[in-house]
PDB file of N, CA and C in Angstrom:
ATOM      1  N   MET A   1      84.972 103.698  55.356  1.00  0.00           N
ATOM      2  CA  MET A   1      83.543 104.236  55.059  1.00  0.00           C
ATOM      3  C   MET A   1      82.843 104.825  56.254  1.00  0.00           C
ATOM      4  N   ALA A   2      82.350 106.136  56.082  1.00  0.00           N
ATOM      5  CA  ALA A   2      81.604 106.760  57.184  1.00  0.00           C
ATOM      6  C   ALA A   2      80.474 106.030  57.809  1.00  0.00           C
ATOM      7  N   LYS A   3      79.883 105.319  56.954  1.00  0.00           N
ATOM      8  CA  LYS A   3      78.557 104.647  57.466  1.00  0.00           C
ATOM      9  C   LYS A   3      78.796 103.608  58.589  1.00  0.00           C
ATOM     10  N   PHE A   4      80.169 102.936  58.616  1.00  0.00           N
ATOM     11  CA  PHE A   4      80.517 102.082  59.702  1.00  0.00           C
ATOM     12  C   PHE A   4      81.121 102.702  60.955  1.00  0.00           C
ATOM     13  N   VAL A   5      81.237 104.138  60.952  1.00  0.00           N
ATOM     14  CA  VAL A   5      81.841 104.698  62.192  1.00  0.00           C
ATOM     15  C   VAL A   5      80.824 105.013  63.101  1.00  0.00           C
ATOM     16  N   ASN A   6      81.194 104.668  64.364  1.00  0.00           N
ATOM     17  CA  ASN A   6      80.248 104.968  65.445  1.00  0.00           C
ATOM     18  C   ASN A   6      80.711 106.246  66.103  1.00  0.00           C
ATOM     19  N   PHE A   7      80.058 107.514  65.755  1.00  0.00           N
ATOM     20  CA  PHE A   7      80.575 108.812  66.115  1.00  0.00           C
ATOM     21  C   PHE A   7      80.493 109.041  67.604  1.00  0.00           C
ATOM     22  N   GLY A   8      79.476 108.599  68.278  1.00  0.00           N
ATOM     23  CA  GLY A   8      79.441 108.545  69.605  1.00  0.00           C
ATOM     24  C   GLY A   8      80.571 107.865  70.483  1.00  0.00           C
ATOM     25  N   TYR A   9      81.119 106.813  69.865  1.00  0.00           N
ATOM     26  CA  TYR A   9      82.224 106.129  70.478  1.00  0.00           C
ATOM     27  C   TYR A   9      83.509 106.782  70.106  1.00  0.00           C
ATOM     28  N   VAL A  10      83.637 107.419  68.951  1.00  0.00           N
ATOM     29  CA  VAL A  10      84.824 108.198  68.781  1.00  0.00           C
ATOM     30  C   VAL A  10      84.883 109.456  69.486  1.00  0.00           C
ATOM     31  N   ALA A  11      83.782 110.058  69.779  1.00  0.00           N
ATOM     32  CA  ALA A  11      83.698 111.290  70.522  1.00  0.00           C
ATOM     33  C   ALA A  11      84.013 110.892  72.057  1.00  0.00           C
ATOM     34  N   ALA A  12      83.572 109.636  72.448  1.00  0.00           N
ATOM     35  CA  ALA A  12      83.988 109.225  73.802  1.00  0.00           C
ATOM     36  C   ALA A  12      85.395 109.128  74.092  1.00  0.00           C
ATOM     37  N   VAL A  13      86.042 108.513  73.043  1.00  0.00           N
ATOM     38  CA  VAL A  13      87.463 108.346  73.030  1.00  0.00           C
ATOM     39  C   VAL A  13      88.227 109.493  72.796  1.00  0.00           C
ATOM     40  N   ALA A  14      87.916 110.490  72.268  1.00  0.00           N
ATOM     41  CA  ALA A  14      88.291 111.777  72.325  1.00  0.00           C
ATOM     42  C   ALA A  14      88.460 112.367  73.484  1.00  0.00           C
ATOM     43  N   ARG A  15      87.160 112.402  74.227  1.00  0.00           N
ATOM     44  CA  ARG A  15      86.865 112.990  75.574  1.00  0.00           C
ATOM     45  C   ARG A  15      88.062 112.381  76.648  1.00  0.00           C
ATOM     46  N   LEU A  16      88.049 110.960  76.526  1.00  0.00           N
ATOM     47  CA  LEU A  16      88.969 110.179  77.405  1.00  0.00           C
ATOM     48  C   LEU A  16      90.457 110.732  77.139  1.00  0.00           C
ATOM     49  N   ASN A  17      90.832 110.832  75.873  1.00  0.00           N
ATOM     50  CA  ASN A  17      92.256 111.138  75.491  1.00  0.00           C
ATOM     51  C   ASN A  17      92.377 112.571  76.084  1.00  0.00           C
ATOM     52  N   ALA A  18      91.386 113.468  75.931  1.00  0.00           N
ATOM     53  CA  ALA A  18      91.599 114.867  76.465  1.00  0.00           C
ATOM     54  C   ALA A  18      91.813 114.819  77.898  1.00  0.00           C
ATOM     55  N   ALA A  19      90.982 114.182  78.646  1.00  0.00           N
ATOM     56  CA  ALA A  19      91.066 113.979  79.986  1.00  0.00           C
ATOM     57  C   ALA A  19      92.470 113.397  80.468  1.00  0.00           C
ATOM     58  N   THR A  20      92.933 112.419  79.809  1.00  0.00           N
ATOM     59  CA  THR A  20      94.131 111.829  80.082  1.00  0.00           C
ATOM     60  C   THR A  20      95.252 112.756  80.067  1.00  0.00           C
ATOM     61  N   LEU A  21      95.376 113.428  78.796  1.00  0.00           N
ATOM     62  CA  LEU A  21      96.291 114.531  78.645  1.00  0.00           C
ATOM     63  C   LEU A  21      96.306 115.715  79.606  1.00  0.00           C
ATOM     64  N   ALA A  22      95.110 116.100  80.056  1.00  0.00           N
ATOM     65  CA  ALA A  22      95.047 117.124  81.009  1.00  0.00           C
ATOM     66  C   ALA A  22      95.581 116.619  82.356  1.00  0.00           C
ATOM     67  N   SER A  23      95.156 115.481  82.743  1.00  0.00           N
ATOM     68  CA  SER A  23      95.672 114.861  84.042  1.00  0.00           C
ATOM     69  C   SER A  23      97.396 114.700  83.910  1.00  0.00           C
ATOM     70  N   MET A  24      97.807 114.221  82.761  1.00  0.00           N
ATOM     71  CA  MET A  24      99.273 114.261  82.754  1.00  0.00           C
ATOM     72  C   MET A  24      99.920 115.605  82.718  1.00  0.00           C
ATOM     73  N   ALA A  25      99.300 116.487  82.056  1.00  0.00           N
ATOM     74  CA  ALA A  25      99.916 117.939  82.168  1.00  0.00           C
ATOM     75  C   ALA A  25      99.912 118.651  83.519  1.00  0.00           C
ATOM     76  N   SER A  26      99.006 118.222  84.284  1.00  0.00           N
ATOM     77  CA  SER A  26      98.871 118.588  85.730  1.00  0.00           C
ATOM     78  C   SER A  26      99.746 118.030  86.771  1.00  0.00           C
ATOM     79  N   SER A  27     100.424 116.930  86.279  1.00  0.00           N
ATOM     80  CA  SER A  27     101.080 116.116  87.317  1.00  0.00           C
ATOM     81  C   SER A  27     102.382 116.486  87.231  1.00  0.00           C
ATOM     82  N   PRO A  28     103.106 116.352  88.489  1.00  0.00           N
ATOM     83  CA  PRO A  28     104.476 116.842  88.712  1.00  0.00           C
ATOM     84  C   PRO A  28     105.520 115.876  87.926  1.00  0.00           C
ATOM     85  N   PRO A  29     106.720 116.463  87.698  1.00  0.00           N
ATOM     86  CA  PRO A  29     107.567 115.564  87.082  1.00  0.00           C
ATOM     87  C   PRO A  29     108.075 114.371  87.932  1.00  0.00           C
ATOM     88  N   PRO A  30     108.283 113.183  87.422  1.00  0.00           N
ATOM     89  CA  PRO A  30     108.832 112.024  88.093  1.00  0.00           C
ATOM     90  C   PRO A  30     110.157 112.274  88.657  1.00  0.00           C
ATOM     91  N   PRO A  31     110.324 111.382  89.840  1.00  0.00           N
ATOM     92  CA  PRO A  31     111.760 111.564  90.483  1.00  0.00           C
ATOM     93  C   PRO A  31     112.758 111.121  89.505  1.00  0.00           C
ATOM     94  N   SER A  32     113.904 111.419  89.524  1.00  0.00           N
ATOM     95  CA  SER A  32     114.998 111.198  88.642  1.00  0.00           C
ATOM     96  C   SER A  32     116.011 110.242  89.325  1.00  0.00           C
ATOM     97  N   LYS A  33     116.689 109.533  88.503  1.00  0.00           N
ATOM     98  CA  LYS A  33     117.835 108.551  89.135  1.00  0.00           C
ATOM     99  C   LYS A  33     117.332 107.754  90.265  1.00  0.00           C
ATOM    100  N   VAL A  34     116.361 107.183  89.977  1.00  0.00           N
ATOM    101  CA  VAL A  34     115.722 106.041  90.850  1.00  0.00           C
ATOM    102  C   VAL A  34     116.472 104.760  90.828  1.00  0.00           C
ATOM    103  N   ARG A  35     117.031 104.367  92.088  1.00  0.00           N
ATOM    104  CA  ARG A  35     117.947 103.251  92.158  1.00  0.00           C
ATOM    105  C   ARG A  35     117.429 102.390  93.276  1.00  0.00           C
ATOM    106  N   LEU A  36     117.731 100.961  93.126  1.00  0.00           N
ATOM    107  CA  LEU A  36     117.514 100.031  94.134  1.00  0.00           C
ATOM    108  C   LEU A  36     118.740  99.402  94.385  1.00  0.00           C
ATOM    109  N   ALA A  37     119.105  99.376  95.677  1.00  0.00           N
ATOM    110  CA  ALA A  37     120.257  98.907  96.183  1.00  0.00           C
ATOM    111  C   ALA A  37     120.359  97.299  96.061  1.00  0.00           C
ATOM    112  N   VAL A  38     121.383  96.748  95.333  1.00  0.00           N
ATOM    113  CA  VAL A  38     121.336  95.286  95.174  1.00  0.00           C
ATOM    114  C   VAL A  38     122.694  94.706  95.567  1.00  0.00           C
ATOM    115  N   LYS A  39     123.666  95.461  96.132  1.00  0.00           N
ATOM    116  CA  LYS A  39     124.909  95.045  96.547  1.00  0.00           C
ATOM    117  C   LYS A  39     124.909  94.193  97.649  1.00  0.00           C
ATOM    118  N   GLY A  40     123.948  94.126  98.531  1.00  0.00           N
ATOM    119  CA  GLY A  40     123.886  93.127  99.829  1.00  0.00           C
ATOM    120  C   GLY A  40     123.009  92.095  99.634  1.00  0.00           C
ATOM    121  N   LEU A  41     123.035  91.240 100.497  1.00  0.00           N
ATOM    122  CA  LEU A  41     122.170  89.977 100.367  1.00  0.00           C
ATOM    123  C   LEU A  41     121.022  90.146 101.368  1.00  0.00           C
ATOM    124  N   GLU A  42     120.823  91.392 101.908  1.00  0.00           N
ATOM    125  CA  GLU A  42     119.736  91.364 102.823  1.00  0.00           C
ATOM    126  C   GLU A  42     118.389  91.210 102.106  1.00  0.00           C
ATOM    127  N   ASN A  43     117.370  90.969 103.097  1.00  0.00           N
ATOM    128  CA  ASN A  43     115.931  90.686 102.693  1.00  0.00           C
ATOM    129  C   ASN A  43     115.371  92.117 102.425  1.00  0.00           C
ATOM    130  N   ASP A  44     115.719  93.191 103.120  1.00  0.00           N
ATOM    131  CA  ASP A  44     115.123  94.544 102.961  1.00  0.00           C
ATOM    132  C   ASP A  44     115.444  95.091 101.534  1.00  0.00           C
ATOM    133  N   SER A  45     114.680  95.952 101.231  1.00  0.00           N
ATOM    134  CA  SER A  45     114.920  96.692  99.873  1.00  0.00           C
ATOM    135  C   SER A  45     115.193  98.134 100.130  1.00  0.00           C
ATOM    136  N   THR A  46     116.225  98.839  99.887  1.00  0.00           N
ATOM    137  CA  THR A  46     116.460 100.201  99.963  1.00  0.00           C
ATOM    138  C   THR A  46     116.547 100.901  98.639  1.00  0.00           C
ATOM    139  N   LEU A  47     115.521 101.847  98.424  1.00  0.00           N
ATOM    140  CA  LEU A  47     115.625 102.698  97.244  1.00  0.00           C
ATOM    141  C   LEU A  47     115.751 104.093  97.484  1.00  0.00           C
ATOM    142  N   ASN A  48     116.383 104.708  96.538  1.00  0.00           N
ATOM    143  CA  ASN A  48     116.800 106.114  96.655  1.00  0.00           C
ATOM    144  C   ASN A  48     116.553 106.834  95.371  1.00  0.00           C
ATOM    145  N   TRP A  49     116.362 108.176  95.357  1.00  0.00           N
ATOM    146  CA  TRP A  49     116.184 108.908  94.180  1.00  0.00           C
ATOM    147  C   TRP A  49     116.455 110.300  94.460  1.00  0.00           C
ATOM    148  N   GLU A  50     116.401 111.044  93.414  1.00  0.00           N
ATOM    149  CA  GLU A  50     116.701 112.611  93.361  1.00  0.00           C
ATOM    150  C   GLU A  50     115.510 113.241  93.126  1.00  0.00           C
ATOM    151  N   THR A  51     115.350 114.462  93.727  1.00  0.00           N
ATOM    152  CA  THR A  51     113.979 115.159  93.718  1.00  0.00           C
ATOM    153  C   THR A  51     114.258 116.320  92.540  1.00  0.00           C
ATOM    154  N   TRP A  52     113.251 116.919  92.302  1.00  0.00           N
ATOM    155  CA  TRP A  52     113.235 117.992  91.363  1.00  0.00           C
ATOM    156  C   TRP A  52     113.255 119.304  91.996  1.00  0.00           C
ATOM    157  N   PRO A  53     113.846 120.340  91.886  1.00  0.00           N
ATOM    158  CA  PRO A  53     113.902 121.670  92.364  1.00  0.00           C
ATOM    159  C   PRO A  53     112.437 122.291  92.035  1.00  0.00           C
ATOM    160  N   GLY A  54     112.009 123.153  92.841  1.00  0.00           N
ATOM    161  CA  GLY A  54     111.029 123.889  92.492  1.00  0.00           C
ATOM    162  C   GLY A  54     109.981 124.082  93.662  1.00  0.00           C
ATOM    163  N   GLY A  55     110.103 123.307  94.678  1.00  0.00           N
ATOM    164  CA  GLY A  55     109.274 123.165  95.751  1.00  0.00           C
ATOM    165  C   GLY A  55     107.799 122.724  95.714  1.00  0.00           C
ATOM    166  N   HIS A  56     107.367 122.347  94.477  1.00  0.00           N
ATOM    167  CA  HIS A  56     105.919 121.828  94.333  1.00  0.00           C
ATOM    168  C   HIS A  56     105.820 120.295  94.802  1.00  0.00           C
ATOM    169  N   VAL A  57     106.826 119.811  95.274  1.00  0.00           N
ATOM    170  CA  VAL A  57     106.764 118.224  95.677  1.00  0.00           C
ATOM    171  C   VAL A  57     106.281 118.218  97.143  1.00  0.00           C
ATOM    172  N   ALA A  58     105.252 117.481  97.454  1.00  0.00           N
ATOM    173  CA  ALA A  58     104.729 117.336  98.712  1.00  0.00           C
ATOM    174  C   ALA A  58     105.365 115.966  99.321  1.00  0.00           C
ATOM    175  N   GLY A  59     105.643 115.105  98.528  1.00  0.00           N
ATOM    176  CA  GLY A  59     106.173 113.748  98.835  1.00  0.00           C
ATOM    177  C   GLY A  59     106.311 112.808  97.620  1.00  0.00           C
ATOM    178  N   TYR A  60     106.474 111.583  98.062  1.00  0.00           N
ATOM    179  CA  TYR A  60     106.577 110.569  97.126  1.00  0.00           C
ATOM    180  C   TYR A  60     105.811 109.385  97.440  1.00  0.00           C
ATOM    181  N   GLU A  61     105.638 108.477  96.569  1.00  0.00           N
ATOM    182  CA  GLU A  61     105.075 107.066  96.695  1.00  0.00           C
ATOM    183  C   GLU A  61     105.862 106.145  96.356  1.00  0.00           C
ATOM    184  N   VAL A  62     106.208 105.213  97.113  1.00  0.00           N
ATOM    185  CA  VAL A  62     106.703 103.981  96.632  1.00  0.00           C
ATOM    186  C   VAL A  62     105.954 102.992  96.283  1.00  0.00           C
ATOM    187  N   LEU A  63     105.869 102.328  95.142  1.00  0.00           N
ATOM    188  CA  LEU A  63     104.794 101.339  94.810  1.00  0.00           C
ATOM    189  C   LEU A  63     105.461 100.023  94.598  1.00  0.00           C
ATOM    190  N   TRP A  64     104.770  98.975  94.986  1.00  0.00           N
ATOM    191  CA  TRP A  64     105.453  97.557  94.612  1.00  0.00           C
ATOM    192  C   TRP A  64     104.352  96.553  94.321  1.00  0.00           C
ATOM    193  N   ARG A  65     104.590  95.522  93.608  1.00  0.00           N
ATOM    194  CA  ARG A  65     103.668  94.650  93.100  1.00  0.00           C
ATOM    195  C   ARG A  65     104.495  93.417  92.986  1.00  0.00           C
ATOM    196  N   SER A  66     103.755  92.307  93.175  1.00  0.00           N
ATOM    197  CA  SER A  66     104.221  90.906  92.841  1.00  0.00           C
ATOM    198  C   SER A  66     104.596  90.861  91.291  1.00  0.00           C
ATOM    199  N   THR A  67     105.674  90.080  91.107  1.00  0.00           N
ATOM    200  CA  THR A  67     106.285  89.982  89.873  1.00  0.00           C
ATOM    201  C   THR A  67     105.291  89.308  88.886  1.00  0.00           C
ATOM    202  N   GLN A  68     104.130  88.759  89.356  1.00  0.00           N
ATOM    203  CA  GLN A  68     103.169  88.083  88.458  1.00  0.00           C
ATOM    204  C   GLN A  68     101.945  89.070  88.379  1.00  0.00           C
ATOM    205  N   SER A  69     101.836  90.125  89.044  1.00  0.00           N
ATOM    206  CA  SER A  69     100.775  90.988  89.022  1.00  0.00           C
ATOM    207  C   SER A  69     100.950  92.042  87.898  1.00  0.00           C
ATOM    208  N   ALA A  70      99.847  92.511  87.280  1.00  0.00           N
ATOM    209  CA  ALA A  70     100.094  93.557  86.321  1.00  0.00           C
ATOM    210  C   ALA A  70      99.665  94.997  86.746  1.00  0.00           C
ATOM    211  N   GLU A  71      99.218  95.132  88.162  1.00  0.00           N
ATOM    212  CA  GLU A  71      98.816  96.175  88.859  1.00  0.00           C
ATOM    213  C   GLU A  71      99.424  96.580  90.034  1.00  0.00           C
ATOM    214  N   TRP A  72      99.799  97.762  90.467  1.00  0.00           N
ATOM    215  CA  TRP A  72     100.547  98.179  91.656  1.00  0.00           C
ATOM    216  C   TRP A  72      99.684  97.690  92.713  1.00  0.00           C
ATOM    217  N   GLU A  73     100.081  96.771  93.684  1.00  0.00           N
ATOM    218  CA  GLU A  73      99.414  96.246  94.839  1.00  0.00           C
ATOM    219  C   GLU A  73      99.573  97.068  96.051  1.00  0.00           C
ATOM    220  N   HIS A  74     100.570  97.666  96.199  1.00  0.00           N
ATOM    221  CA  HIS A  74     100.964  98.396  97.426  1.00  0.00           C
ATOM    222  C   HIS A  74     101.691  99.873  97.083  1.00  0.00           C
ATOM    223  N   ALA A  75     101.344 100.595  98.201  1.00  0.00           N
ATOM    224  CA  ALA A  75     102.117 101.996  98.032  1.00  0.00           C
ATOM    225  C   ALA A  75     102.356 102.392  99.439  1.00  0.00           C
ATOM    226  N   LYS A  76     103.514 103.059  99.656  1.00  0.00           N
ATOM    227  CA  LYS A  76     104.006 103.792 100.765  1.00  0.00           C
ATOM    228  C   LYS A  76     104.402 105.194 100.751  1.00  0.00           C
ATOM    229  N   ALA A  77     103.702 106.020 101.453  1.00  0.00           N
ATOM    230  CA  ALA A  77     104.027 107.404 101.273  1.00  0.00           C
ATOM    231  C   ALA A  77     105.204 107.888 102.007  1.00  0.00           C
ATOM    232  N   VAL A  78     106.036 108.591 101.393  1.00  0.00           N
ATOM    233  CA  VAL A  78     107.394 109.143 101.887  1.00  0.00           C
ATOM    234  C   VAL A  78     107.353 110.585 101.703  1.00  0.00           C
ATOM    235  N   GLU A  79     107.462 111.257 102.817  1.00  0.00           N
ATOM    236  CA  GLU A  79     107.575 112.692 102.986  1.00  0.00           C
ATOM    237  C   GLU A  79     108.994 113.097 103.347  1.00  0.00           C
ATOM    238  N   ASN A  80     109.496 114.171 102.647  1.00  0.00           N
ATOM    239  CA  ASN A  80     110.677 114.801 103.111  1.00  0.00           C
ATOM    240  C   ASN A  80     111.861 113.800 103.117  1.00  0.00           C
ATOM    241  N   ALA A  81     111.934 112.870 102.231  1.00  0.00           N
ATOM    242  CA  ALA A  81     113.020 111.934 102.291  1.00  0.00           C
ATOM    243  C   ALA A  81     113.157 111.695 100.708  1.00  0.00           C
ATOM    244  N   THR A  82     114.396 111.134 100.390  1.00  0.00           N
ATOM    245  CA  THR A  82     114.739 110.497  99.018  1.00  0.00           C
ATOM    246  C   THR A  82     115.263 109.231  99.243  1.00  0.00           C
ATOM    247  N   GLN A  83     114.990 108.631 100.271  1.00  0.00           N
ATOM    248  CA  GLN A  83     115.466 107.260 100.516  1.00  0.00           C
ATOM    249  C   GLN A  83     114.488 106.509 101.347  1.00  0.00           C
ATOM    250  N   ILE A  84     114.378 105.240 101.123  1.00  0.00           N
ATOM    251  CA  ILE A  84     113.556 104.346 102.041  1.00  0.00           C
ATOM    252  C   ILE A  84     113.928 103.014 101.964  1.00  0.00           C
ATOM    253  N   THR A  85     113.776 102.349 103.145  1.00  0.00           N
ATOM    254  CA  THR A  85     114.251 100.916 103.302  1.00  0.00           C
ATOM    255  C   THR A  85     113.028 100.148 103.681  1.00  0.00           C
ATOM    256  N   LEU A  86     112.489  99.325 102.845  1.00  0.00           N
ATOM    257  CA  LEU A  86     111.289  98.440 103.188  1.00  0.00           C
ATOM    258  C   LEU A  86     111.465  96.986 103.551  1.00  0.00           C
ATOM    259  N   PRO A  87     110.675  96.443 104.425  1.00  0.00           N
ATOM    260  CA  PRO A  87     110.990  95.069 104.852  1.00  0.00           C
ATOM    261  C   PRO A  87     110.377  94.057 103.849  1.00  0.00           C
ATOM    262  N   VAL A  88     110.751  94.383 102.558  1.00  0.00           N
ATOM    263  CA  VAL A  88     110.140  93.598 101.329  1.00  0.00           C
ATOM    264  C   VAL A  88     111.451  93.021 100.597  1.00  0.00           C
ATOM    265  N   SER A  89     111.363  91.865 100.212  1.00  0.00           N
ATOM    266  CA  SER A  89     112.452  91.342  99.478  1.00  0.00           C
ATOM    267  C   SER A  89     112.354  91.651  98.053  1.00  0.00           C
ATOM    268  N   LYS A  90     113.475  92.152  97.654  1.00  0.00           N
ATOM    269  CA  LYS A  90     113.637  92.520  96.131  1.00  0.00           C
ATOM    270  C   LYS A  90     113.581  91.507  95.058  1.00  0.00           C
ATOM    271  N   ASP A  91     113.618  90.319  95.557  1.00  0.00           N
ATOM    272  CA  ASP A  91     113.575  89.157  94.740  1.00  0.00           C
ATOM    273  C   ASP A  91     112.048  88.936  94.377  1.00  0.00           C
ATOM    274  N   ASN A  92     111.244  89.355  95.034  1.00  0.00           N
ATOM    275  CA  ASN A  92     109.944  88.915  94.885  1.00  0.00           C
ATOM    276  C   ASN A  92     108.783  89.905  94.294  1.00  0.00           C
ATOM    277  N   VAL A  93     109.357  91.197  94.158  1.00  0.00           N
ATOM    278  CA  VAL A  93     108.443  92.271  93.795  1.00  0.00           C
ATOM    279  C   VAL A  93     109.205  93.015  92.623  1.00  0.00           C
ATOM    280  N   ILE A  94     108.313  93.884  92.109  1.00  0.00           N
ATOM    281  CA  ILE A  94     108.928  95.066  91.137  1.00  0.00           C
ATOM    282  C   ILE A  94     108.348  96.388  92.046  1.00  0.00           C
ATOM    283  N   PHE A  95     109.404  97.311  92.014  1.00  0.00           N
ATOM    284  CA  PHE A  95     109.184  98.591  92.642  1.00  0.00           C
ATOM    285  C   PHE A  95     109.233  99.633  91.747  1.00  0.00           C
ATOM    286  N   ALA A  96     108.691 100.850  92.080  1.00  0.00           N
ATOM    287  CA  ALA A  96     108.463 102.014  91.394  1.00  0.00           C
ATOM    288  C   ALA A  96     108.470 103.184  92.368  1.00  0.00           C
ATOM    289  N   VAL A  97     108.741 104.433  91.976  1.00  0.00           N
ATOM    290  CA  VAL A  97     108.545 105.708  92.837  1.00  0.00           C
ATOM    291  C   VAL A  97     107.952 106.734  91.951  1.00  0.00           C
ATOM    292  N   ARG A  98     107.059 107.464  92.480  1.00  0.00           N
ATOM    293  CA  ARG A  98     106.273 108.566  91.781  1.00  0.00           C
ATOM    294  C   ARG A  98     106.307 109.694  92.862  1.00  0.00           C
ATOM    295  N   THR A  99     106.194 110.957  92.093  1.00  0.00           N
ATOM    296  CA  THR A  99     106.207 112.211  92.823  1.00  0.00           C
ATOM    297  C   THR A  99     104.768 112.497  93.194  1.00  0.00           C
ATOM    298  N   VAL A 100     104.355 113.091  94.271  1.00  0.00           N
ATOM    299  CA  VAL A 100     103.147 113.563  94.585  1.00  0.00           C
ATOM    300  C   VAL A 100     103.309 115.145  94.944  1.00  0.00           C
ATOM    301  N   ASP A 101     102.452 116.034  94.155  1.00  0.00           N
ATOM    302  CA  ASP A 101     102.486 117.473  94.514  1.00  0.00           C
ATOM    303  C   ASP A 101     101.547 118.026  95.568  1.00  0.00           C
ATOM    304  N   ARG A 102     101.478 119.073  96.007  1.00  0.00           N
ATOM    305  CA  ARG A 102     100.600 119.409  97.004  1.00  0.00           C
ATOM    306  C   ARG A 102      99.082 119.486  96.737  1.00  0.00           C
ATOM    307  N   GLU A 103      98.741 119.398  95.543  1.00  0.00           N
ATOM    308  CA  GLU A 103      97.293 119.157  95.182  1.00  0.00           C
ATOM    309  C   GLU A 103      96.893 117.676  95.068  1.00  0.00           C
ATOM    310  N   GLY A 104      97.842 116.878  95.293  1.00  0.00           N
ATOM    311  CA  GLY A 104      97.479 115.437  95.216  1.00  0.00           C
ATOM    312  C   GLY A 104      97.707 114.635  93.873  1.00  0.00           C
ATOM    313  N   HIS A 105      98.310 115.531  92.877  1.00  0.00           N
ATOM    314  CA  HIS A 105      98.524 114.832  91.562  1.00  0.00           C
ATOM    315  C   HIS A 105      99.748 113.936  91.672  1.00  0.00           C
ATOM    316  N   ARG A 106      99.658 112.944  90.975  1.00  0.00           N
ATOM    317  CA  ARG A 106     100.811 111.971  90.923  1.00  0.00           C
ATOM    318  C   ARG A 106     101.512 111.979  89.618  1.00  0.00           C
ATOM    319  N   SER A 107     102.904 111.611  89.515  1.00  0.00           N
ATOM    320  CA  SER A 107     103.541 111.601  88.327  1.00  0.00           C
ATOM    321  C   SER A 107     103.512 110.220  87.927  1.00  0.00           C
ATOM    322  N   LEU A 108     103.857 109.779  86.634  1.00  0.00           N
ATOM    323  CA  LEU A 108     104.130 108.560  86.265  1.00  0.00           C
ATOM    324  C   LEU A 108     105.218 107.794  87.117  1.00  0.00           C
ATOM    325  N   PRO A 109     104.943 106.616  87.394  1.00  0.00           N
ATOM    326  CA  PRO A 109     105.915 105.808  88.277  1.00  0.00           C
ATOM    327  C   PRO A 109     107.150 105.517  87.557  1.00  0.00           C
ATOM    328  N   VAL A 110     108.431 105.516  88.119  1.00  0.00           N
ATOM    329  CA  VAL A 110     109.724 105.312  87.705  1.00  0.00           C
ATOM    330  C   VAL A 110     110.250 104.028  88.345  1.00  0.00           C
ATOM    331  N   VAL A 111     110.415 103.036  87.394  1.00  0.00           N
ATOM    332  CA  VAL A 111     110.889 101.700  88.028  1.00  0.00           C
ATOM    333  C   VAL A 111     112.387 101.828  88.283  1.00  0.00           C
ATOM    334  N   PRO A 112     113.045 101.511  89.254  1.00  0.00           N
ATOM    335  CA  PRO A 112     114.281 101.775  89.602  1.00  0.00           C
ATOM    336  C   PRO A 112     115.417 100.958  88.908  1.00  0.00           C
ATOM    337  N   LEU A 113     116.590 101.552  88.566  1.00  0.00           N
ATOM    338  CA  LEU A 113     117.709 100.713  88.159  1.00  0.00           C
ATOM    339  C   LEU A 113     118.463 100.193  89.363  1.00  0.00           C
ATOM    340  N   PRO A 114     119.182  98.941  89.009  1.00  0.00           N
ATOM    341  CA  PRO A 114     119.961  98.578  90.204  1.00  0.00           C
ATOM    342  C   PRO A 114     121.227  99.260  90.487  1.00  0.00           C
ATOM    343  N   GLU A 115     121.558  99.525  91.841  1.00  0.00           N
ATOM    344  CA  GLU A 115     122.632 100.346  92.244  1.00  0.00           C
ATOM    345  C   GLU A 115     123.547  99.225  92.889  1.00  0.00           C
ATOM    346  N   LYS A 116     124.841  99.122  92.187  1.00  0.00           N
ATOM    347  CA  LYS A 116     125.751  98.151  92.946  1.00  0.00           C
ATOM    348  C   LYS A 116     126.760  98.861  93.975  1.00  0.00           C
TER     349      LYS A 116
END
């Protein structure tokens, strides 16, 4: 029934959805084939990924968080590389990689698959 609808709230949700879609449309594509090396027993973590052609990529961000956290706690900028080794144990965190374009837009993060 229309008398129970808060039209101001519905309009605010529609504006938020439009802003979210506009932000996602202007973001670069995420990196592909993101992998986390798991073959060794080292405490460091090595991630690698493939870049997208087109030249719009300014760099990448490697994100990580505690396995108990719901939000990304750390970010490391990576420019002109598709691999990084961090002094962080892969046993205690969840990693992701996202693309950053020249205007500062960020892609959705991609969680790596194990690479043996």
